[in-house]
Amino acid sequence: MSLKAKSKSGTKAAATAKRTEKPTEKAEAAGSQEQELRSILEELRQRTLRDIAEKVKSGTAATGQEIGDIYDLASEERTRELDLLMGDRERQKLQQIDNAFVRLEEGTYGFCEECGEPINPKRLRAVPFARSCVDCQQDKENEERMMRDRDHSDKVYAVMHGGEAPQAAFDDDD
């Protein structure tokens, strides 16, 4: 038998095996994938909690240091500000992870909240708390970018013309 014939027969056998695959095998595969994603979420949650705890711990240790000159104080204040910002992001991430666990329990995990289509498993492995498919997420980000650009344009117009930008020129309600 030639290599091409072996390849074709192997492909046909794989296709036949998929068609004859029992529903329980599909359910087992889905359950396995769900378990893998649940494990990824749990590990990510634990890591995020550790990061938050470390930041809180380092923040309380830093407040007991000696007071230096004005530049040291400014530098420490900026560091605290950045730590708070990072802490907020970590808390938001933790909230997103917890929301993903709720969606797992409800049976809505892995489906786009915008279009209802399944989210690609590769995306879920990369961003286990994703709520949108790639296409809907891109649309959302493009819309946000357009809003930021519009706001920026409004501000530039106002500065150039010494007042407020004419909002009616930008309203889409017409």
N, C-alpha and C. Protein backbone atom coordinates (compact mmCIF):
# COMPACT_ATOMS: atom_id res chain seq x y z
N MET A 1 0.85 -1.17 0.00
CA MET A 1 0.00 0.00 0.00
C MET A 1 0.89 1.23 0.00
N SER A 2 0.55 2.24 -0.81
CA SER A 2 1.38 3.44 -0.91
C SER A 2 1.18 4.33 0.31
N LEU A 3 2.08 5.29 0.45
CA LEU A 3 2.01 6.22 1.59
C LEU A 3 0.73 7.04 1.53
N LYS A 4 0.35 7.48 0.31
CA LYS A 4 -0.88 8.26 0.17
C LYS A 4 -2.09 7.43 0.55
N ALA A 5 -2.12 6.18 0.13
CA ALA A 5 -3.24 5.30 0.45
C ALA A 5 -3.35 5.09 1.95
N LYS A 6 -2.19 4.89 2.59
CA LYS A 6 -2.20 4.73 4.05
C LYS A 6 -2.71 6.00 4.72
N SER A 7 -2.27 7.16 4.23
CA SER A 7 -2.68 8.44 4.79
C SER A 7 -4.18 8.63 4.64
N LYS A 8 -4.70 8.32 3.43
CA LYS A 8 -6.14 8.48 3.19
C LYS A 8 -6.94 7.52 4.05
N SER A 9 -6.49 6.27 4.15
CA SER A 9 -7.24 5.30 4.95
C SER A 9 -7.18 5.68 6.42
N GLY A 10 -6.05 6.24 6.85
CA GLY A 10 -5.95 6.70 8.24
C GLY A 10 -6.89 7.86 8.52
N THR A 11 -7.00 8.78 7.56
CA THR A 11 -7.88 9.93 7.70
C THR A 11 -9.34 9.47 7.71
N LYS A 12 -9.67 8.52 6.81
CA LYS A 12 -11.04 8.01 6.77
C LYS A 12 -11.38 7.30 8.08
N ALA A 13 -10.42 6.54 8.59
CA ALA A 13 -10.66 5.83 9.86
C ALA A 13 -10.89 6.82 10.99
N ALA A 14 -10.13 7.92 10.99
CA ALA A 14 -10.31 8.93 12.03
C ALA A 14 -11.68 9.58 11.90
N ALA A 15 -12.09 9.89 10.67
CA ALA A 15 -13.40 10.50 10.45
C ALA A 15 -14.51 9.56 10.86
N THR A 16 -14.36 8.28 10.53
CA THR A 16 -15.37 7.29 10.92
C THR A 16 -15.43 7.16 12.44
N ALA A 17 -14.28 7.16 13.07
CA ALA A 17 -14.24 7.06 14.53
C ALA A 17 -14.95 8.25 15.16
N LYS A 18 -14.77 9.45 14.59
CA LYS A 18 -15.44 10.63 15.14
C LYS A 18 -16.95 10.52 14.98
N ARG A 19 -17.40 10.02 13.84
CA ARG A 19 -18.83 9.89 13.60
C ARG A 19 -19.45 8.85 14.51
N THR A 20 -18.72 7.81 14.83
CA THR A 20 -19.26 6.75 15.68
C THR A 20 -18.97 6.99 17.16
N GLU A 21 -18.33 8.12 17.45
CA GLU A 21 -18.02 8.44 18.84
C GLU A 21 -19.31 8.54 19.64
N LYS A 22 -19.34 7.93 20.77
CA LYS A 22 -20.53 7.91 21.60
C LYS A 22 -20.72 9.26 22.28
N PRO A 23 -21.97 9.64 22.52
CA PRO A 23 -22.22 10.91 23.21
C PRO A 23 -21.55 10.98 24.58
N THR A 24 -21.43 9.83 25.25
CA THR A 24 -20.79 9.83 26.56
C THR A 24 -19.32 10.19 26.45
N GLU A 25 -18.67 9.79 25.34
CA GLU A 25 -17.27 10.14 25.14
C GLU A 25 -17.13 11.65 24.95
N LYS A 26 -18.07 12.26 24.21
CA LYS A 26 -18.05 13.71 24.04
C LYS A 26 -18.27 14.40 25.38
N ALA A 27 -19.20 13.89 26.16
CA ALA A 27 -19.47 14.47 27.47
C ALA A 27 -18.26 14.34 28.38
N GLU A 28 -17.58 13.19 28.30
CA GLU A 28 -16.37 12.99 29.10
C GLU A 28 -15.29 13.98 28.70
N ALA A 29 -15.13 14.21 27.38
CA ALA A 29 -14.13 15.16 26.89
C ALA A 29 -14.47 16.57 27.37
N ALA A 30 -15.74 16.93 27.30
CA ALA A 30 -16.16 18.26 27.77
C ALA A 30 -15.93 18.39 29.28
N GLY A 31 -16.22 17.32 30.00
CA GLY A 31 -16.00 17.34 31.45
C GLY A 31 -14.53 17.45 31.79
N SER A 32 -13.70 16.78 31.00
CA SER A 32 -12.26 16.85 31.20
C SER A 32 -11.75 18.27 30.95
N GLN A 33 -12.25 18.88 29.88
CA GLN A 33 -11.86 20.26 29.56
C GLN A 33 -12.33 21.20 30.66
N GLU A 34 -13.56 21.01 31.13
CA GLU A 34 -14.07 21.86 32.20
C GLU A 34 -13.22 21.71 33.46
N GLN A 35 -12.84 20.48 33.77
CA GLN A 35 -12.01 20.23 34.95
C GLN A 35 -10.65 20.91 34.80
N GLU A 36 -10.08 20.85 33.59
CA GLU A 36 -8.79 21.50 33.33
C GLU A 36 -8.91 23.02 33.54
N LEU A 37 -9.97 23.60 32.99
CA LEU A 37 -10.17 25.05 33.12
C LEU A 37 -10.46 25.43 34.57
N ARG A 38 -11.21 24.60 35.26
CA ARG A 38 -11.48 24.86 36.69
C ARG A 38 -10.17 24.85 37.48
N SER A 39 -9.29 23.91 37.15
CA SER A 39 -7.98 23.81 37.80
C SER A 39 -7.14 25.05 37.51
N ILE A 40 -7.16 25.50 36.24
CA ILE A 40 -6.41 26.71 35.86
C ILE A 40 -6.94 27.91 36.63
N LEU A 41 -8.26 28.03 36.71
CA LEU A 41 -8.88 29.14 37.45
C LEU A 41 -8.49 29.11 38.93
N GLU A 42 -8.53 27.93 39.52
CA GLU A 42 -8.19 27.81 40.95
C GLU A 42 -6.74 28.19 41.20
N GLU A 43 -5.84 27.73 40.32
CA GLU A 43 -4.42 28.05 40.48
C GLU A 43 -4.19 29.56 40.31
N LEU A 44 -4.86 30.16 39.34
CA LEU A 44 -4.76 31.59 39.11
C LEU A 44 -5.31 32.38 40.30
N ARG A 45 -6.39 31.88 40.88
CA ARG A 45 -6.98 32.53 42.06
C ARG A 45 -6.01 32.48 43.24
N GLN A 46 -5.39 31.33 43.47
CA GLN A 46 -4.44 31.20 44.57
C GLN A 46 -3.23 32.12 44.36
N ARG A 47 -2.73 32.18 43.13
CA ARG A 47 -1.58 33.05 42.82
C ARG A 47 -1.95 34.52 43.03
N THR A 48 -3.14 34.90 42.62
CA THR A 48 -3.60 36.29 42.79
C THR A 48 -3.74 36.62 44.26
N LEU A 49 -4.28 35.71 45.04
CA LEU A 49 -4.40 35.94 46.49
C LEU A 49 -3.03 36.09 47.14
N ARG A 50 -2.06 35.27 46.71
CA ARG A 50 -0.70 35.39 47.24
C ARG A 50 -0.10 36.75 46.89
N ASP A 51 -0.30 37.19 45.64
CA ASP A 51 0.22 38.49 45.21
C ASP A 51 -0.37 39.63 46.04
N ILE A 52 -1.67 39.56 46.27
CA ILE A 52 -2.33 40.60 47.07
C ILE A 52 -1.77 40.59 48.49
N ALA A 53 -1.63 39.41 49.07
CA ALA A 53 -1.12 39.30 50.44
C ALA A 53 0.31 39.84 50.54
N GLU A 54 1.14 39.55 49.54
CA GLU A 54 2.52 40.06 49.54
C GLU A 54 2.54 41.58 49.45
N LYS A 55 1.67 42.14 48.63
CA LYS A 55 1.63 43.60 48.48
C LYS A 55 1.17 44.27 49.76
N VAL A 56 0.18 43.67 50.41
CA VAL A 56 -0.30 44.22 51.68
C VAL A 56 0.80 44.14 52.72
N LYS A 57 1.47 43.00 52.76
CA LYS A 57 2.56 42.79 53.72
C LYS A 57 3.70 43.78 53.48
N SER A 58 4.11 43.95 52.22
CA SER A 58 5.21 44.87 51.93
C SER A 58 4.78 46.32 52.15
N GLY A 59 3.51 46.62 51.95
CA GLY A 59 3.01 47.97 52.17
C GLY A 59 3.03 48.35 53.64
N THR A 60 2.68 47.42 54.52
CA THR A 60 2.71 47.72 55.95
C THR A 60 4.14 47.78 56.47
N ALA A 61 5.04 47.02 55.89
CA ALA A 61 6.45 47.06 56.31
C ALA A 61 7.09 48.38 55.89
N ALA A 62 6.69 48.92 54.75
CA ALA A 62 7.29 50.15 54.24
C ALA A 62 6.87 51.37 55.05
N THR A 63 5.71 51.34 55.71
CA THR A 63 5.24 52.51 56.44
C THR A 63 6.04 52.74 57.72
N GLY A 64 6.75 51.77 58.20
CA GLY A 64 7.51 51.92 59.43
C GLY A 64 8.93 52.42 59.22
N GLN A 65 9.30 52.77 58.00
CA GLN A 65 10.66 53.20 57.73
C GLN A 65 10.87 54.65 58.18
N GLU A 66 12.16 55.02 58.33
CA GLU A 66 12.51 56.39 58.71
C GLU A 66 12.10 57.36 57.62
N ILE A 67 11.78 58.57 58.06
CA ILE A 67 11.42 59.62 57.11
C ILE A 67 12.69 60.24 56.58
N GLY A 68 12.80 60.34 55.26
CA GLY A 68 13.97 60.92 54.61
C GLY A 68 13.66 62.32 54.13
N ASP A 69 14.39 62.75 53.13
CA ASP A 69 14.15 64.09 52.59
C ASP A 69 12.90 64.09 51.71
N ILE A 70 12.58 65.24 51.17
CA ILE A 70 11.36 65.41 50.40
C ILE A 70 11.32 64.50 49.18
N TYR A 71 12.48 64.24 48.56
CA TYR A 71 12.53 63.36 47.38
C TYR A 71 12.25 61.91 47.76
N ASP A 72 12.76 61.50 48.92
CA ASP A 72 12.47 60.15 49.40
C ASP A 72 10.99 59.98 49.67
N LEU A 73 10.41 61.00 50.29
CA LEU A 73 8.97 60.95 50.59
C LEU A 73 8.14 60.89 49.31
N ALA A 74 8.53 61.69 48.32
CA ALA A 74 7.81 61.69 47.05
C ALA A 74 7.93 60.33 46.36
N SER A 75 9.12 59.77 46.41
CA SER A 75 9.35 58.47 45.79
C SER A 75 8.54 57.38 46.49
N GLU A 76 8.53 57.41 47.83
CA GLU A 76 7.76 56.43 48.58
C GLU A 76 6.26 56.58 48.32
N GLU A 77 5.81 57.83 48.21
CA GLU A 77 4.39 58.08 47.95
C GLU A 77 4.00 57.54 46.57
N ARG A 78 4.86 57.76 45.59
CA ARG A 78 4.61 57.26 44.24
C ARG A 78 4.59 55.73 44.24
N THR A 79 5.49 55.13 44.97
CA THR A 79 5.52 53.66 45.07
C THR A 79 4.24 53.15 45.71
N ARG A 80 3.79 53.82 46.78
CA ARG A 80 2.53 53.41 47.43
C ARG A 80 1.36 53.56 46.48
N GLU A 81 1.36 54.65 45.72
CA GLU A 81 0.29 54.88 44.74
C GLU A 81 0.26 53.77 43.69
N LEU A 82 1.43 53.41 43.18
CA LEU A 82 1.50 52.33 42.19
C LEU A 82 1.08 51.00 42.80
N ASP A 83 1.47 50.77 44.04
CA ASP A 83 1.07 49.54 44.73
C ASP A 83 -0.45 49.47 44.89
N LEU A 84 -1.06 50.60 45.21
CA LEU A 84 -2.52 50.64 45.33
C LEU A 84 -3.18 50.35 44.00
N LEU A 85 -2.64 50.95 42.95
CA LEU A 85 -3.18 50.72 41.61
C LEU A 85 -3.05 49.25 41.24
N MET A 86 -1.89 48.68 41.47
CA MET A 86 -1.68 47.27 41.18
C MET A 86 -2.59 46.42 42.05
N GLY A 87 -2.78 46.82 43.29
CA GLY A 87 -3.67 46.09 44.19
C GLY A 87 -5.10 46.10 43.67
N ASP A 88 -5.54 47.26 43.15
CA ASP A 88 -6.88 47.34 42.58
C ASP A 88 -7.03 46.40 41.39
N ARG A 89 -6.01 46.36 40.56
CA ARG A 89 -6.05 45.46 39.40
C ARG A 89 -6.12 44.00 39.86
N GLU A 90 -5.35 43.67 40.88
CA GLU A 90 -5.36 42.30 41.39
C GLU A 90 -6.74 41.96 41.97
N ARG A 91 -7.33 42.91 42.69
CA ARG A 91 -8.67 42.67 43.25
C ARG A 91 -9.70 42.50 42.13
N GLN A 92 -9.58 43.30 41.07
CA GLN A 92 -10.49 43.16 39.92
C GLN A 92 -10.30 41.79 39.26
N LYS A 93 -9.07 41.37 39.14
CA LYS A 93 -8.76 40.06 38.56
C LYS A 93 -9.38 38.96 39.41
N LEU A 94 -9.25 39.09 40.72
CA LEU A 94 -9.82 38.11 41.64
C LEU A 94 -11.34 38.06 41.48
N GLN A 95 -11.97 39.23 41.34
CA GLN A 95 -13.41 39.29 41.14
C GLN A 95 -13.81 38.61 39.83
N GLN A 96 -13.02 38.81 38.78
CA GLN A 96 -13.30 38.18 37.49
C GLN A 96 -13.17 36.65 37.60
N ILE A 97 -12.19 36.19 38.35
CA ILE A 97 -12.00 34.75 38.54
C ILE A 97 -13.20 34.18 39.31
N ASP A 98 -13.62 34.87 40.37
CA ASP A 98 -14.77 34.40 41.15
C ASP A 98 -16.03 34.37 40.29
N ASN A 99 -16.19 35.39 39.42
CA ASN A 99 -17.33 35.40 38.51
C ASN A 99 -17.28 34.22 37.54
N ALA A 100 -16.07 33.84 37.12
CA ALA A 100 -15.92 32.68 36.23
C ALA A 100 -16.38 31.41 36.93
N PHE A 101 -16.07 31.27 38.23
CA PHE A 101 -16.54 30.11 38.99
C PHE A 101 -18.06 30.09 39.06
N VAL A 102 -18.67 31.25 39.23
CA VAL A 102 -20.14 31.33 39.25
C VAL A 102 -20.70 30.87 37.90
N ARG A 103 -20.10 31.34 36.80
CA ARG A 103 -20.56 30.94 35.47
C ARG A 103 -20.38 29.43 35.26
N LEU A 104 -19.31 28.86 35.83
CA LEU A 104 -19.12 27.41 35.75
C LEU A 104 -20.28 26.69 36.42
N GLU A 105 -20.66 27.16 37.59
CA GLU A 105 -21.77 26.53 38.33
C GLU A 105 -23.10 26.70 37.60
N GLU A 106 -23.28 27.85 36.95
CA GLU A 106 -24.53 28.12 36.23
C GLU A 106 -24.59 27.42 34.88
N GLY A 107 -23.43 26.97 34.39
CA GLY A 107 -23.38 26.32 33.08
C GLY A 107 -23.23 27.31 31.94
N THR A 108 -22.91 28.57 32.25
CA THR A 108 -22.74 29.58 31.19
C THR A 108 -21.27 29.87 30.90
N TYR A 109 -20.37 29.22 31.63
CA TYR A 109 -18.94 29.43 31.43
C TYR A 109 -18.54 28.91 30.05
N GLY A 110 -17.69 29.68 29.38
CA GLY A 110 -17.18 29.25 28.09
C GLY A 110 -18.03 29.72 26.92
N PHE A 111 -19.09 30.49 27.21
CA PHE A 111 -19.93 31.05 26.16
C PHE A 111 -19.84 32.56 26.21
N CYS A 112 -19.73 33.18 25.04
CA CYS A 112 -19.61 34.63 24.93
C CYS A 112 -20.88 35.30 25.46
N GLU A 113 -20.72 36.28 26.33
CA GLU A 113 -21.86 37.00 26.87
C GLU A 113 -22.48 37.95 25.84
N GLU A 114 -21.75 38.25 24.78
CA GLU A 114 -22.24 39.16 23.75
C GLU A 114 -23.06 38.41 22.69
N CYS A 115 -22.46 37.37 22.09
CA CYS A 115 -23.11 36.69 20.96
C CYS A 115 -23.63 35.30 21.31
N GLY A 116 -23.23 34.76 22.46
CA GLY A 116 -23.71 33.45 22.88
C GLY A 116 -22.94 32.27 22.30
N GLU A 117 -21.98 32.54 21.43
CA GLU A 117 -21.19 31.46 20.81
C GLU A 117 -20.15 30.94 21.81
N PRO A 118 -19.73 29.68 21.63
CA PRO A 118 -18.67 29.16 22.51
C PRO A 118 -17.36 29.94 22.34
N ILE A 119 -16.68 30.16 23.44
CA ILE A 119 -15.38 30.82 23.42
C ILE A 119 -14.33 29.75 23.11
N ASN A 120 -13.41 30.08 22.23
CA ASN A 120 -12.36 29.14 21.84
C ASN A 120 -11.62 28.63 23.10
N PRO A 121 -11.47 27.31 23.25
CA PRO A 121 -10.77 26.77 24.42
C PRO A 121 -9.35 27.31 24.60
N LYS A 122 -8.67 27.64 23.48
CA LYS A 122 -7.33 28.21 23.60
C LYS A 122 -7.40 29.57 24.28
N ARG A 123 -8.43 30.35 23.97
CA ARG A 123 -8.61 31.66 24.62
C ARG A 123 -8.89 31.46 26.11
N LEU A 124 -9.71 30.48 26.44
CA LEU A 124 -10.03 30.23 27.84
C LEU A 124 -8.81 29.77 28.63
N ARG A 125 -7.91 29.03 27.98
CA ARG A 125 -6.69 28.62 28.68
C ARG A 125 -5.79 29.83 28.91
N ALA A 126 -5.76 30.75 27.94
CA ALA A 126 -4.92 31.94 28.07
C ALA A 126 -5.53 32.95 29.04
N VAL A 127 -6.85 33.13 28.96
CA VAL A 127 -7.57 34.08 29.82
C VAL A 127 -8.77 33.31 30.39
N PRO A 128 -8.55 32.54 31.46
CA PRO A 128 -9.60 31.65 31.95
C PRO A 128 -10.87 32.34 32.42
N PHE A 129 -10.81 33.63 32.67
CA PHE A 129 -12.01 34.34 33.12
C PHE A 129 -12.64 35.16 32.00
N ALA A 130 -12.26 34.86 30.75
CA ALA A 130 -12.79 35.59 29.59
C ALA A 130 -14.30 35.44 29.53
N ARG A 131 -14.97 36.53 29.21
CA ARG A 131 -16.43 36.52 29.11
C ARG A 131 -16.90 36.73 27.67
N SER A 132 -15.95 37.04 26.77
CA SER A 132 -16.29 37.32 25.38
C SER A 132 -15.38 36.53 24.45
N CYS A 133 -15.92 36.18 23.30
CA CYS A 133 -15.09 35.55 22.27
C CYS A 133 -14.15 36.61 21.70
N VAL A 134 -13.18 36.20 20.93
CA VAL A 134 -12.18 37.12 20.40
C VAL A 134 -12.83 38.22 19.56
N ASP A 135 -13.76 37.84 18.69
CA ASP A 135 -14.40 38.83 17.81
C ASP A 135 -15.17 39.88 18.61
N CYS A 136 -15.96 39.45 19.58
CA CYS A 136 -16.74 40.39 20.39
C CYS A 136 -15.82 41.25 21.26
N GLN A 137 -14.75 40.67 21.77
CA GLN A 137 -13.80 41.43 22.58
C GLN A 137 -13.13 42.50 21.73
N GLN A 138 -12.77 42.16 20.50
CA GLN A 138 -12.17 43.15 19.59
C GLN A 138 -13.15 44.26 19.30
N ASP A 139 -14.42 43.91 19.05
CA ASP A 139 -15.45 44.93 18.80
C ASP A 139 -15.57 45.86 20.00
N LYS A 140 -15.58 45.28 21.20
CA LYS A 140 -15.71 46.07 22.42
C LYS A 140 -14.52 47.01 22.59
N GLU A 141 -13.31 46.50 22.35
CA GLU A 141 -12.11 47.33 22.48
C GLU A 141 -12.07 48.42 21.42
N ASN A 142 -12.51 48.11 20.19
CA ASN A 142 -12.56 49.13 19.14
C ASN A 142 -13.55 50.23 19.51
N GLU A 143 -14.68 49.84 20.07
CA GLU A 143 -15.68 50.83 20.49
C GLU A 143 -15.13 51.71 21.61
N GLU A 144 -14.45 51.10 22.58
CA GLU A 144 -13.85 51.87 23.67
C GLU A 144 -12.78 52.82 23.14
N ARG A 145 -11.98 52.35 22.18
CA ARG A 145 -10.95 53.19 21.58
C ARG A 145 -11.58 54.36 20.85
N MET A 146 -12.67 54.12 20.13
CA MET A 146 -13.36 55.20 19.42
C MET A 146 -13.91 56.22 20.40
N MET A 147 -14.43 55.75 21.54
CA MET A 147 -14.96 56.67 22.56
C MET A 147 -13.84 57.51 23.16
N ARG A 148 -12.68 56.89 23.42
CA ARG A 148 -11.54 57.65 23.95
C ARG A 148 -11.08 58.68 22.94
N ASP A 149 -11.00 58.28 21.67
CA ASP A 149 -10.59 59.21 20.62
C ASP A 149 -11.58 60.35 20.50
N ARG A 150 -12.86 60.05 20.63
CA ARG A 150 -13.90 61.08 20.56
C ARG A 150 -13.75 62.05 21.72
N ASP A 151 -13.55 61.51 22.91
CA ASP A 151 -13.36 62.36 24.09
C ASP A 151 -12.14 63.25 23.91
N HIS A 152 -11.07 62.66 23.39
CA HIS A 152 -9.84 63.43 23.16
C HIS A 152 -10.11 64.54 22.14
N SER A 153 -10.81 64.21 21.07
CA SER A 153 -11.13 65.21 20.05
C SER A 153 -11.97 66.33 20.64
N ASP A 154 -12.93 65.98 21.49
CA ASP A 154 -13.77 67.00 22.15
C ASP A 154 -12.91 67.94 22.99
N LYS A 155 -11.96 67.39 23.71
CA LYS A 155 -11.09 68.21 24.56
C LYS A 155 -10.20 69.11 23.72
N VAL A 156 -9.65 68.58 22.64
CA VAL A 156 -8.79 69.38 21.76
C VAL A 156 -9.61 70.50 21.15
N TYR A 157 -10.81 70.20 20.70
CA TYR A 157 -11.69 71.21 20.11
C TYR A 157 -11.97 72.32 21.13
N ALA A 158 -12.27 71.90 22.37
CA ALA A 158 -12.59 72.87 23.41
C ALA A 158 -11.39 73.78 23.68
N VAL A 159 -10.18 73.22 23.74
CA VAL A 159 -8.99 74.01 23.99
C VAL A 159 -8.75 74.97 22.83
N MET A 160 -8.91 74.49 21.62
CA MET A 160 -8.66 75.32 20.44
C MET A 160 -9.68 76.45 20.32
N HIS A 161 -10.90 76.23 20.76
CA HIS A 161 -11.96 77.22 20.58
C HIS A 161 -12.36 77.89 21.88
N GLY A 162 -11.61 77.65 22.93
CA GLY A 162 -11.83 78.35 24.20
C GLY A 162 -13.15 78.05 24.87
N GLY A 163 -13.62 76.87 24.73
CA GLY A 163 -14.88 76.52 25.39
C GLY A 163 -15.18 75.06 25.26
N GLU A 164 -16.45 74.75 25.31
CA GLU A 164 -16.90 73.37 25.20
C GLU A 164 -17.06 72.98 23.74
N ALA A 165 -16.81 71.73 23.45
CA ALA A 165 -17.02 71.21 22.10
C ALA A 165 -18.52 71.09 21.86
N PRO A 166 -18.97 71.39 20.66
CA PRO A 166 -20.40 71.27 20.37
C PRO A 166 -20.80 69.79 20.37
N GLN A 167 -21.43 69.35 21.41
CA GLN A 167 -21.78 67.94 21.60
C GLN A 167 -22.74 67.46 20.52
N ALA A 168 -23.61 68.33 20.03
CA ALA A 168 -24.58 67.92 19.04
C ALA A 168 -23.92 67.42 17.77
N ALA A 169 -22.74 67.92 17.46
CA ALA A 169 -22.03 67.50 16.25
C ALA A 169 -21.54 66.05 16.36
N PHE A 170 -21.44 65.54 17.60
CA PHE A 170 -20.92 64.20 17.80
C PHE A 170 -21.98 63.19 18.20
N ASP A 171 -23.17 63.66 18.54
CA ASP A 171 -24.21 62.74 19.03
C ASP A 171 -24.68 61.83 17.92
N ASP A 172 -24.88 60.56 18.27
CA ASP A 172 -25.33 59.56 17.32
C ASP A 172 -26.84 59.32 17.45
N ASP A 173 -27.50 60.08 18.30
CA ASP A 173 -28.92 59.83 18.58
C ASP A 173 -29.83 60.23 17.43
N ASP A 174 -29.32 61.01 16.48
CA ASP A 174 -30.18 61.50 15.38
C ASP A 174 -30.63 60.41 14.49
